[in-house]
Amino acid sequence: MIDAAVRAMRFGATVGRSAAFVLSAAEVDELLFGSLRGVIGDRSLVVVPAGDGHEVPWAALPSCAGRAVSVAPSVSAWVRSVSARPRSGGRMWVAGPRLRHAAAEARSLHAAHGGELLVGRQAKVAAVLAAMDGAGLVHIAAHGRFRDDQPLFSAVELADGPLFGYDVQRLRRPPRMVVLSACDAGRAVVRPGGEMMGLATALLRAGTSTVVASVLPVPDRQAVGLVTRLHAGMRDGLGPAAALAAAQVEHGDLGFVCFGAG
């Protein structure tokens, strides 16, 4: 029942947050939290989803609005993420082609937070992978493509082609945190045995502690305000999940989810 409600929620999102989306979100919320609201209060949540639960845009559920929610592929993956040894590293801001607001998003974040900027022809796959190696924070604003038939061929589009889930597995020192401001970059396929596979989970499997990515199509222009507020919140000391929740209260959930350590 929950899987059908999640699929209906996703369908509603593809046609502009229709009434079907709102009704499906309320149904999913009731199925998951109806008997738990008095127990969870205003606590943060760590979710290890089953079935289509990995595609829930959690902040769109009434019980999760403004709440810090972290999603992990498994309990062991979450423990690895939160137990990862903190490491320093630079910040990197990347913009892919054919998006009206991506370059402005990357430049604005670079101006506010410093680090390395790769836009236009500079944002090639090899250059981005090289800069990702050992980075503390990587932000990529680009077209995203999800492949449910070959989830590790899910990708973000860069200046000279796609950066695949397979590519990030070649990193010697994966970035500590990655923000993917791209359509469907947080989606995954559940394989036999419960293993989740997609671009975001490939990063987590490689050793990245936190990935913020959307499980829905992302409106390019609206994403700018949300990710700006997300990074400002983290700069001010909030954890990724709490900073994302605060940004979503102001700018709408847009399908973004915090994966791994929140």
C-alpha atoms as a PDB file:
ATOM      1  CA  MET A   1       0.000   0.000   0.000  1.00  0.00           C
ATOM      2  CA  ILE A   2       2.769   2.415   0.898  1.00  0.00           C
ATOM      3  CA  ASP A   3       4.597   1.723  -2.388  1.00  0.00           C
ATOM      4  CA  ALA A   4       1.476   2.563  -4.410  1.00  0.00           C
ATOM      5  CA  ALA A   5       1.012   5.809  -2.470  1.00  0.00           C
ATOM      6  CA  VAL A   6       4.651   6.800  -3.055  1.00  0.00           C
ATOM      7  CA  ARG A   7       4.322   6.111  -6.794  1.00  0.00           C
ATOM      8  CA  ALA A   8       1.148   8.215  -6.900  1.00  0.00           C
ATOM      9  CA  MET A   9       2.997  10.997  -5.085  1.00  0.00           C
ATOM     10  CA  ARG A  10       5.789  10.922  -7.645  1.00  0.00           C
ATOM     11  CA  PHE A  11       3.300  10.967 -10.529  1.00  0.00           C
ATOM     12  CA  GLY A  12       1.580  13.970  -8.989  1.00  0.00           C
ATOM     13  CA  ALA A  13       4.922  15.792  -8.793  1.00  0.00           C
ATOM     14  CA  THR A  14       5.585  15.328 -12.516  1.00  0.00           C
ATOM     15  CA  VAL A  15       2.517  17.368 -13.401  1.00  0.00           C
ATOM     16  CA  GLY A  16       3.288  20.424 -11.318  1.00  0.00           C
ATOM     17  CA  ARG A  17       2.516  19.444  -7.726  1.00  0.00           C
ATOM     18  CA  SER A  18      -1.074  18.674  -8.584  1.00  0.00           C
ATOM     19  CA  ALA A  19      -3.846  17.856  -6.142  1.00  0.00           C
ATOM     20  CA  ALA A  20      -2.822  14.214  -6.625  1.00  0.00           C
ATOM     21  CA  PHE A  21       0.588  15.025  -5.140  1.00  0.00           C
ATOM     22  CA  VAL A  22      -0.904  16.736  -2.084  1.00  0.00           C
ATOM     23  CA  LEU A  23      -3.390  13.923  -1.489  1.00  0.00           C
ATOM     24  CA  SER A  24      -0.738  11.244  -1.966  1.00  0.00           C
ATOM     25  CA  ALA A  25       1.637  13.045   0.411  1.00  0.00           C
ATOM     26  CA  ALA A  26      -1.094  13.132   3.051  1.00  0.00           C
ATOM     27  CA  GLU A  27      -1.760   9.413   2.491  1.00  0.00           C
ATOM     28  CA  VAL A  28       1.920   8.491   2.798  1.00  0.00           C
ATOM     29  CA  ASP A  29       2.188  10.651   5.909  1.00  0.00           C
ATOM     30  CA  GLU A  30      -0.765   8.941   7.557  1.00  0.00           C
ATOM     31  CA  LEU A  31       0.514   5.465   6.705  1.00  0.00           C
ATOM     32  CA  LEU A  32       3.954   6.184   8.133  1.00  0.00           C
ATOM     33  CA  PHE A  33       3.282   8.535  11.028  1.00  0.00           C
ATOM     34  CA  GLY A  34      -0.401   8.213  11.915  1.00  0.00           C
ATOM     35  CA  SER A  35       0.267   6.206  15.077  1.00  0.00           C
ATOM     36  CA  LEU A  36       3.675   7.761  15.824  1.00  0.00           C
ATOM     37  CA  ARG A  37       3.068  11.507  15.981  1.00  0.00           C
ATOM     38  CA  GLY A  38       2.720  11.518  19.734  1.00  0.00           C
ATOM     39  CA  VAL A  39       5.921   9.491  20.067  1.00  0.00           C
ATOM     40  CA  ILE A  40       8.323  11.318  17.747  1.00  0.00           C
ATOM     41  CA  GLY A  41       7.335  14.838  18.783  1.00  0.00           C
ATOM     42  CA  ASP A  42       9.712  17.310  17.181  1.00  0.00           C
ATOM     43  CA  ARG A  43      12.702  14.946  17.129  1.00  0.00           C
ATOM     44  CA  SER A  44      15.033  14.582  14.181  1.00  0.00           C
ATOM     45  CA  LEU A  45      14.537  11.371  12.211  1.00  0.00           C
ATOM     46  CA  VAL A  46      16.848   8.820  10.647  1.00  0.00           C
ATOM     47  CA  VAL A  47      14.996   6.752   8.049  1.00  0.00           C
ATOM     48  CA  VAL A  48      16.089   3.437   6.537  1.00  0.00           C
ATOM     49  CA  PRO A  49      13.400   2.974   3.889  1.00  0.00           C
ATOM     50  CA  ALA A  50      12.093  -0.221   2.316  1.00  0.00           C
ATOM     51  CA  GLY A  51      10.521  -0.697  -1.108  1.00  0.00           C
ATOM     52  CA  ASP A  52       9.639   2.577  -2.822  1.00  0.00           C
ATOM     53  CA  GLY A  53      10.211   4.430   0.441  1.00  0.00           C
ATOM     54  CA  HIS A  54      13.620   5.507  -0.876  1.00  0.00           C
ATOM     55  CA  GLU A  55      11.802   7.815  -3.334  1.00  0.00           C
ATOM     56  CA  VAL A  56       9.786   9.717  -0.727  1.00  0.00           C
ATOM     57  CA  PRO A  57      10.397  13.502  -0.729  1.00  0.00           C
ATOM     58  CA  TRP A  58      10.227  13.510   3.062  1.00  0.00           C
ATOM     59  CA  ALA A  59       9.899  17.255   3.581  1.00  0.00           C
ATOM     60  CA  ALA A  60       6.678  17.209   1.536  1.00  0.00           C
ATOM     61  CA  LEU A  61       4.992  15.069   4.206  1.00  0.00           C
ATOM     62  CA  PRO A  62       3.080  17.156   6.771  1.00  0.00           C
ATOM     63  CA  SER A  63       4.746  15.378   9.714  1.00  0.00           C
ATOM     64  CA  CYS A  64       8.235  16.115   8.342  1.00  0.00           C
ATOM     65  CA  ALA A  65       7.861  19.761   7.343  1.00  0.00           C
ATOM     66  CA  GLY A  66      10.655  21.668   9.076  1.00  0.00           C
ATOM     67  CA  ARG A  67      12.031  18.483  10.620  1.00  0.00           C
ATOM     68  CA  ALA A  68      15.631  17.296  10.140  1.00  0.00           C
ATOM     69  CA  VAL A  69      15.378  13.962   8.305  1.00  0.00           C
ATOM     70  CA  SER A  70      18.347  11.819   7.268  1.00  0.00           C
ATOM     71  CA  VAL A  71      17.882   8.849   4.930  1.00  0.00           C
ATOM     72  CA  ALA A  72      20.308   5.932   4.786  1.00  0.00           C
ATOM     73  CA  PRO A  73      20.409   2.883   2.491  1.00  0.00           C
ATOM     74  CA  SER A  74      20.919   0.663   5.549  1.00  0.00           C
ATOM     75  CA  VAL A  75      21.665   0.898   9.255  1.00  0.00           C
ATOM     76  CA  SER A  76      25.281  -0.113   8.639  1.00  0.00           C
ATOM     77  CA  ALA A  77      25.632   2.576   5.954  1.00  0.00           C
ATOM     78  CA  TRP A  78      24.309   5.196   8.363  1.00  0.00           C
ATOM     79  CA  VAL A  79      26.719   4.082  11.093  1.00  0.00           C
ATOM     80  CA  ARG A  80      29.617   4.321   8.637  1.00  0.00           C
ATOM     81  CA  SER A  81      28.531   7.812   7.604  1.00  0.00           C
ATOM     82  CA  VAL A  82      28.211   9.241  11.093  1.00  0.00           C
ATOM     83  CA  SER A  83      31.351   7.459  12.300  1.00  0.00           C
ATOM     84  CA  ALA A  84      33.499   8.642   9.420  1.00  0.00           C
ATOM     85  CA  ARG A  85      36.598  10.447  10.548  1.00  0.00           C
ATOM     86  CA  PRO A  86      36.184  14.210   9.992  1.00  0.00           C
ATOM     87  CA  ARG A  87      38.528  15.550   7.343  1.00  0.00           C
ATOM     88  CA  SER A  88      39.251  18.967   6.021  1.00  0.00           C
ATOM     89  CA  GLY A  89      39.122  19.844   2.363  1.00  0.00           C
ATOM     90  CA  GLY A  90      38.258  22.661   0.046  1.00  0.00           C
ATOM     91  CA  ARG A  91      34.904  23.714  -1.393  1.00  0.00           C
ATOM     92  CA  MET A  92      34.049  23.257  -5.043  1.00  0.00           C
ATOM     93  CA  TRP A  93      31.178  24.800  -7.009  1.00  0.00           C
ATOM     94  CA  VAL A  94      30.299  23.341 -10.426  1.00  0.00           C
ATOM     95  CA  ALA A  95      27.747  24.296 -13.083  1.00  0.00           C
ATOM     96  CA  GLY A  96      26.835  22.073 -16.013  1.00  0.00           C
ATOM     97  CA  PRO A  97      25.548  23.276 -19.410  1.00  0.00           C
ATOM     98  CA  ARG A  98      22.066  23.993 -20.764  1.00  0.00           C
ATOM     99  CA  LEU A  99      20.559  25.268 -17.505  1.00  0.00           C
ATOM    100  CA  ARG A 100      19.622  28.926 -17.380  1.00  0.00           C
ATOM    101  CA  HIS A 101      20.427  29.500 -13.699  1.00  0.00           C
ATOM    102  CA  ALA A 102      23.141  26.919 -12.950  1.00  0.00           C
ATOM    103  CA  ALA A 103      26.173  29.136 -13.610  1.00  0.00           C
ATOM    104  CA  ALA A 104      24.701  32.004 -11.583  1.00  0.00           C
ATOM    105  CA  GLU A 105      23.974  29.554  -8.746  1.00  0.00           C
ATOM    106  CA  ALA A 106      27.561  28.281  -8.701  1.00  0.00           C
ATOM    107  CA  ARG A 107      29.086  31.763  -8.984  1.00  0.00           C
ATOM    108  CA  SER A 108      26.908  33.157  -6.201  1.00  0.00           C
ATOM    109  CA  LEU A 109      27.815  30.310  -3.838  1.00  0.00           C
ATOM    110  CA  HIS A 110      31.488  30.646  -4.723  1.00  0.00           C
ATOM    111  CA  ALA A 111      31.362  34.391  -3.961  1.00  0.00           C
ATOM    112  CA  ALA A 112      29.720  33.706  -0.593  1.00  0.00           C
ATOM    113  CA  HIS A 113      31.814  30.737   0.539  1.00  0.00           C
ATOM    114  CA  GLY A 114      35.059  30.718  -1.448  1.00  0.00           C
ATOM    115  CA  GLY A 115      36.782  27.678  -2.882  1.00  0.00           C
ATOM    116  CA  GLU A 116      37.135  26.491  -6.478  1.00  0.00           C
ATOM    117  CA  LEU A 117      34.719  27.406  -9.271  1.00  0.00           C
ATOM    118  CA  LEU A 118      34.237  25.269 -12.389  1.00  0.00           C
ATOM    119  CA  VAL A 119      31.708  26.607 -14.915  1.00  0.00           C
ATOM    120  CA  GLY A 120      31.430  26.655 -18.689  1.00  0.00           C
ATOM    121  CA  ARG A 121      34.175  24.734 -20.485  1.00  0.00           C
ATOM    122  CA  GLN A 122      36.091  24.330 -17.236  1.00  0.00           C
ATOM    123  CA  ALA A 123      33.425  21.980 -15.884  1.00  0.00           C
ATOM    124  CA  LYS A 124      34.635  18.867 -17.707  1.00  0.00           C
ATOM    125  CA  VAL A 125      34.332  15.388 -16.217  1.00  0.00           C
ATOM    126  CA  ALA A 126      38.065  14.835 -15.638  1.00  0.00           C
ATOM    127  CA  ALA A 127      38.524  18.272 -14.065  1.00  0.00           C
ATOM    128  CA  VAL A 128      35.524  17.851 -11.784  1.00  0.00           C
ATOM    129  CA  LEU A 129      36.615  14.375 -10.657  1.00  0.00           C
ATOM    130  CA  ALA A 130      40.123  15.653  -9.965  1.00  0.00           C
ATOM    131  CA  ALA A 131      38.781  18.534  -7.879  1.00  0.00           C
ATOM    132  CA  MET A 132      36.339  16.242  -6.040  1.00  0.00           C
ATOM    133  CA  ASP A 133      39.160  14.020  -4.811  1.00  0.00           C
ATOM    134  CA  GLY A 134      39.732  14.992  -1.189  1.00  0.00           C
ATOM    135  CA  ALA A 135      37.278  17.909  -1.213  1.00  0.00           C
ATOM    136  CA  GLY A 136      35.327  18.869   1.876  1.00  0.00           C
ATOM    137  CA  LEU A 137      32.230  20.073   0.004  1.00  0.00           C
ATOM    138  CA  VAL A 138      31.198  19.658  -3.635  1.00  0.00           C
ATOM    139  CA  HIS A 139      28.146  21.418  -5.089  1.00  0.00           C
ATOM    140  CA  ILE A 140      27.049  20.514  -8.627  1.00  0.00           C
ATOM    141  CA  ALA A 141      24.229  22.350 -10.415  1.00  0.00           C
ATOM    142  CA  ALA A 142      23.493  20.436 -13.594  1.00  0.00           C
ATOM    143  CA  HIS A 143      21.004  18.404 -15.564  1.00  0.00           C
ATOM    144  CA  GLY A 144      20.458  15.040 -13.885  1.00  0.00           C
ATOM    145  CA  ARG A 145      19.482  11.775 -15.510  1.00  0.00           C
ATOM    146  CA  PHE A 146      18.339   8.653 -13.635  1.00  0.00           C
ATOM    147  CA  ARG A 147      18.621   5.187 -15.200  1.00  0.00           C
ATOM    148  CA  ASP A 148      16.416   2.626 -13.492  1.00  0.00           C
ATOM    149  CA  ASP A 149      17.707  -0.103 -15.821  1.00  0.00           C
ATOM    150  CA  GLN A 150      21.380   0.700 -15.116  1.00  0.00           C
ATOM    151  CA  PRO A 151      21.392   2.845 -11.954  1.00  0.00           C
ATOM    152  CA  LEU A 152      25.167   3.356 -11.878  1.00  0.00           C
ATOM    153  CA  PHE A 153      24.834   4.995 -15.299  1.00  0.00           C
ATOM    154  CA  SER A 154      22.711   7.666 -13.622  1.00  0.00           C
ATOM    155  CA  ALA A 155      24.580  10.918 -14.146  1.00  0.00           C
ATOM    156  CA  VAL A 156      24.892  14.677 -14.006  1.00  0.00           C
ATOM    157  CA  GLU A 157      25.678  16.431 -17.277  1.00  0.00           C
ATOM    158  CA  LEU A 158      28.947  18.355 -17.460  1.00  0.00           C
ATOM    159  CA  ALA A 159      30.597  20.385 -20.228  1.00  0.00           C
ATOM    160  CA  ASP A 160      31.961  17.379 -22.135  1.00  0.00           C
ATOM    161  CA  GLY A 161      29.444  14.719 -21.156  1.00  0.00           C
ATOM    162  CA  PRO A 162      27.979  12.823 -18.208  1.00  0.00           C
ATOM    163  CA  LEU A 163      29.611  12.141 -14.855  1.00  0.00           C
ATOM    164  CA  PHE A 164      28.274   8.680 -13.940  1.00  0.00           C
ATOM    165  CA  GLY A 165      27.789   6.856 -10.690  1.00  0.00           C
ATOM    166  CA  TYR A 166      30.551   4.536 -11.878  1.00  0.00           C
ATOM    167  CA  ASP A 167      32.957   7.488 -12.097  1.00  0.00           C
ATOM    168  CA  VAL A 168      32.739   8.431  -8.428  1.00  0.00           C
ATOM    169  CA  GLN A 169      33.832   4.954  -7.447  1.00  0.00           C
ATOM    170  CA  ARG A 170      37.261   5.775  -8.938  1.00  0.00           C
ATOM    171  CA  LEU A 171      37.915   8.536  -6.409  1.00  0.00           C
ATOM    172  CA  ARG A 172      40.790   7.805  -4.034  1.00  0.00           C
ATOM    173  CA  ARG A 173      39.487  10.211  -1.382  1.00  0.00           C
ATOM    174  CA  PRO A 174      35.775  10.863  -1.889  1.00  0.00           C
ATOM    175  CA  PRO A 175      34.457  14.289  -0.877  1.00  0.00           C
ATOM    176  CA  ARG A 176      33.052  14.584   2.620  1.00  0.00           C
ATOM    177  CA  MET A 177      29.763  16.130   1.430  1.00  0.00           C
ATOM    178  CA  VAL A 178      28.118  16.473  -1.984  1.00  0.00           C
ATOM    179  CA  VAL A 179      25.110  18.604  -2.948  1.00  0.00           C
ATOM    180  CA  LEU A 180      23.548  17.596  -6.280  1.00  0.00           C
ATOM    181  CA  SER A 181      21.275  20.395  -7.490  1.00  0.00           C
ATOM    182  CA  ALA A 182      19.957  18.220 -10.307  1.00  0.00           C
ATOM    183  CA  CYS A 183      16.754  16.435 -11.274  1.00  0.00           C
ATOM    184  CA  ASP A 184      16.299  12.929  -9.838  1.00  0.00           C
ATOM    185  CA  ALA A 185      19.901  12.734  -8.571  1.00  0.00           C
ATOM    186  CA  GLY A 186      18.751  11.186  -5.294  1.00  0.00           C
ATOM    187  CA  ARG A 187      16.731   8.391  -6.872  1.00  0.00           C
ATOM    188  CA  ALA A 188      17.820   4.772  -6.570  1.00  0.00           C
ATOM    189  CA  VAL A 189      16.797   1.263  -7.565  1.00  0.00           C
ATOM    190  CA  VAL A 190      16.421  -1.422  -4.917  1.00  0.00           C
ATOM    191  CA  ARG A 191      18.217  -4.574  -6.039  1.00  0.00           C
ATOM    192  CA  PRO A 192      17.592  -8.112  -4.701  1.00  0.00           C
ATOM    193  CA  GLY A 193      18.781  -8.248  -1.136  1.00  0.00           C
ATOM    194  CA  GLY A 194      17.679  -4.668  -0.493  1.00  0.00           C
ATOM    195  CA  GLU A 195      20.757  -2.919  -1.949  1.00  0.00           C
ATOM    196  CA  MET A 196      20.000   0.605  -3.181  1.00  0.00           C
ATOM    197  CA  MET A 197      21.841   1.740  -6.310  1.00  0.00           C
ATOM    198  CA  GLY A 198      21.972   5.191  -7.879  1.00  0.00           C
ATOM    199  CA  LEU A 199      24.224   8.235  -8.118  1.00  0.00           C
ATOM    200  CA  ALA A 200      23.741   9.403  -4.519  1.00  0.00           C
ATOM    201  CA  THR A 201      24.154   5.908  -3.072  1.00  0.00           C
ATOM    202  CA  ALA A 202      27.296   5.380  -5.207  1.00  0.00           C
ATOM    203  CA  LEU A 203      28.807   8.401  -3.481  1.00  0.00           C
ATOM    204  CA  LEU A 204      27.845   7.077  -0.054  1.00  0.00           C
ATOM    205  CA  ARG A 205      29.257   3.668  -0.916  1.00  0.00           C
ATOM    206  CA  ALA A 206      32.506   5.302  -2.052  1.00  0.00           C
ATOM    207  CA  GLY A 207      32.866   6.958   1.355  1.00  0.00           C
ATOM    208  CA  THR A 208      31.085  10.326   1.131  1.00  0.00           C
ATOM    209  CA  SER A 209      29.406  11.003   4.484  1.00  0.00           C
ATOM    210  CA  THR A 210      26.489  13.177   3.320  1.00  0.00           C
ATOM    211  CA  VAL A 211      24.715  13.670  -0.003  1.00  0.00           C
ATOM    212  CA  VAL A 212      21.913  16.190  -0.493  1.00  0.00           C
ATOM    213  CA  ALA A 213      19.977  15.479  -3.680  1.00  0.00           C
ATOM    214  CA  SER A 214      16.438  15.551  -5.047  1.00  0.00           C
ATOM    215  CA  VAL A 215      14.267  12.524  -5.752  1.00  0.00           C
ATOM    216  CA  LEU A 216      12.057  14.649  -8.040  1.00  0.00           C
ATOM    217  CA  PRO A 217      12.519  16.947 -11.044  1.00  0.00           C
ATOM    218  CA  VAL A 218      14.110  20.192  -9.844  1.00  0.00           C
ATOM    219  CA  PRO A 219      12.878  23.613 -11.045  1.00  0.00           C
ATOM    220  CA  ASP A 220      16.133  25.352 -11.978  1.00  0.00           C
ATOM    221  CA  ARG A 221      15.213  28.851 -10.820  1.00  0.00           C
ATOM    222  CA  GLN A 222      13.611  27.843  -7.515  1.00  0.00           C
ATOM    223  CA  ALA A 223      16.552  25.661  -6.564  1.00  0.00           C
ATOM    224  CA  VAL A 224      18.859  28.696  -6.310  1.00  0.00           C
ATOM    225  CA  GLY A 225      17.129  30.098  -3.217  1.00  0.00           C
ATOM    226  CA  LEU A 226      16.905  26.711  -1.524  1.00  0.00           C
ATOM    227  CA  VAL A 227      20.573  25.764  -1.941  1.00  0.00           C
ATOM    228  CA  THR A 228      21.695  29.288  -1.014  1.00  0.00           C
ATOM    229  CA  ARG A 229      19.816  28.986   2.273  1.00  0.00           C
ATOM    230  CA  LEU A 230      21.106  25.423   2.763  1.00  0.00           C
ATOM    231  CA  HIS A 231      24.743  26.480   2.565  1.00  0.00           C
ATOM    232  CA  ALA A 232      24.131  29.581   4.699  1.00  0.00           C
ATOM    233  CA  GLY A 233      22.584  27.383   7.386  1.00  0.00           C
ATOM    234  CA  MET A 234      25.548  25.022   7.409  1.00  0.00           C
ATOM    235  CA  ARG A 235      27.952  27.984   7.558  1.00  0.00           C
ATOM    236  CA  ASP A 236      26.031  29.155  10.631  1.00  0.00           C
ATOM    237  CA  GLY A 237      26.557  25.821  12.369  1.00  0.00           C
ATOM    238  CA  LEU A 238      23.502  23.730  11.469  1.00  0.00           C
ATOM    239  CA  GLY A 239      23.968  20.115  10.444  1.00  0.00           C
ATOM    240  CA  PRO A 240      23.098  19.271   6.811  1.00  0.00           C
ATOM    241  CA  ALA A 241      19.664  17.793   7.592  1.00  0.00           C
ATOM    242  CA  ALA A 242      18.654  20.706   9.846  1.00  0.00           C
ATOM    243  CA  ALA A 243      19.976  23.268   7.357  1.00  0.00           C
ATOM    244  CA  LEU A 244      18.053  21.571   4.549  1.00  0.00           C
ATOM    245  CA  ALA A 245      14.861  21.506   6.627  1.00  0.00           C
ATOM    246  CA  ALA A 246      15.148  25.241   7.336  1.00  0.00           C
ATOM    247  CA  ALA A 247      15.765  25.971   3.651  1.00  0.00           C
ATOM    248  CA  GLN A 248      12.740  23.898   2.666  1.00  0.00           C
ATOM    249  CA  VAL A 249      10.476  25.805   5.042  1.00  0.00           C
ATOM    250  CA  GLU A 250      11.421  29.004   3.208  1.00  0.00           C
ATOM    251  CA  HIS A 251      11.636  27.770  -0.383  1.00  0.00           C
ATOM    252  CA  GLY A 252       9.581  24.559  -0.652  1.00  0.00           C
ATOM    253  CA  ASP A 253      10.885  21.027  -0.437  1.00  0.00           C
ATOM    254  CA  LEU A 254      11.625  20.642  -4.206  1.00  0.00           C
ATOM    255  CA  GLY A 255      12.170  16.929  -3.535  1.00  0.00           C
ATOM    256  CA  PHE A 256      15.553  17.388  -1.823  1.00  0.00           C
ATOM    257  CA  VAL A 257      16.592  14.742   0.719  1.00  0.00           C
ATOM    258  CA  CYS A 258      19.598  14.469   3.031  1.00  0.00           C
ATOM    259  CA  PHE A 259      21.241  11.061   2.590  1.00  0.00           C
ATOM    260  CA  GLY A 260      23.760   9.633   5.029  1.00  0.00           C
ATOM    261  CA  ALA A 261      25.008  11.596   8.035  1.00  0.00           C
ATOM    262  CA  GLY A 262      22.675  14.486   8.744  1.00  0.00           C
END
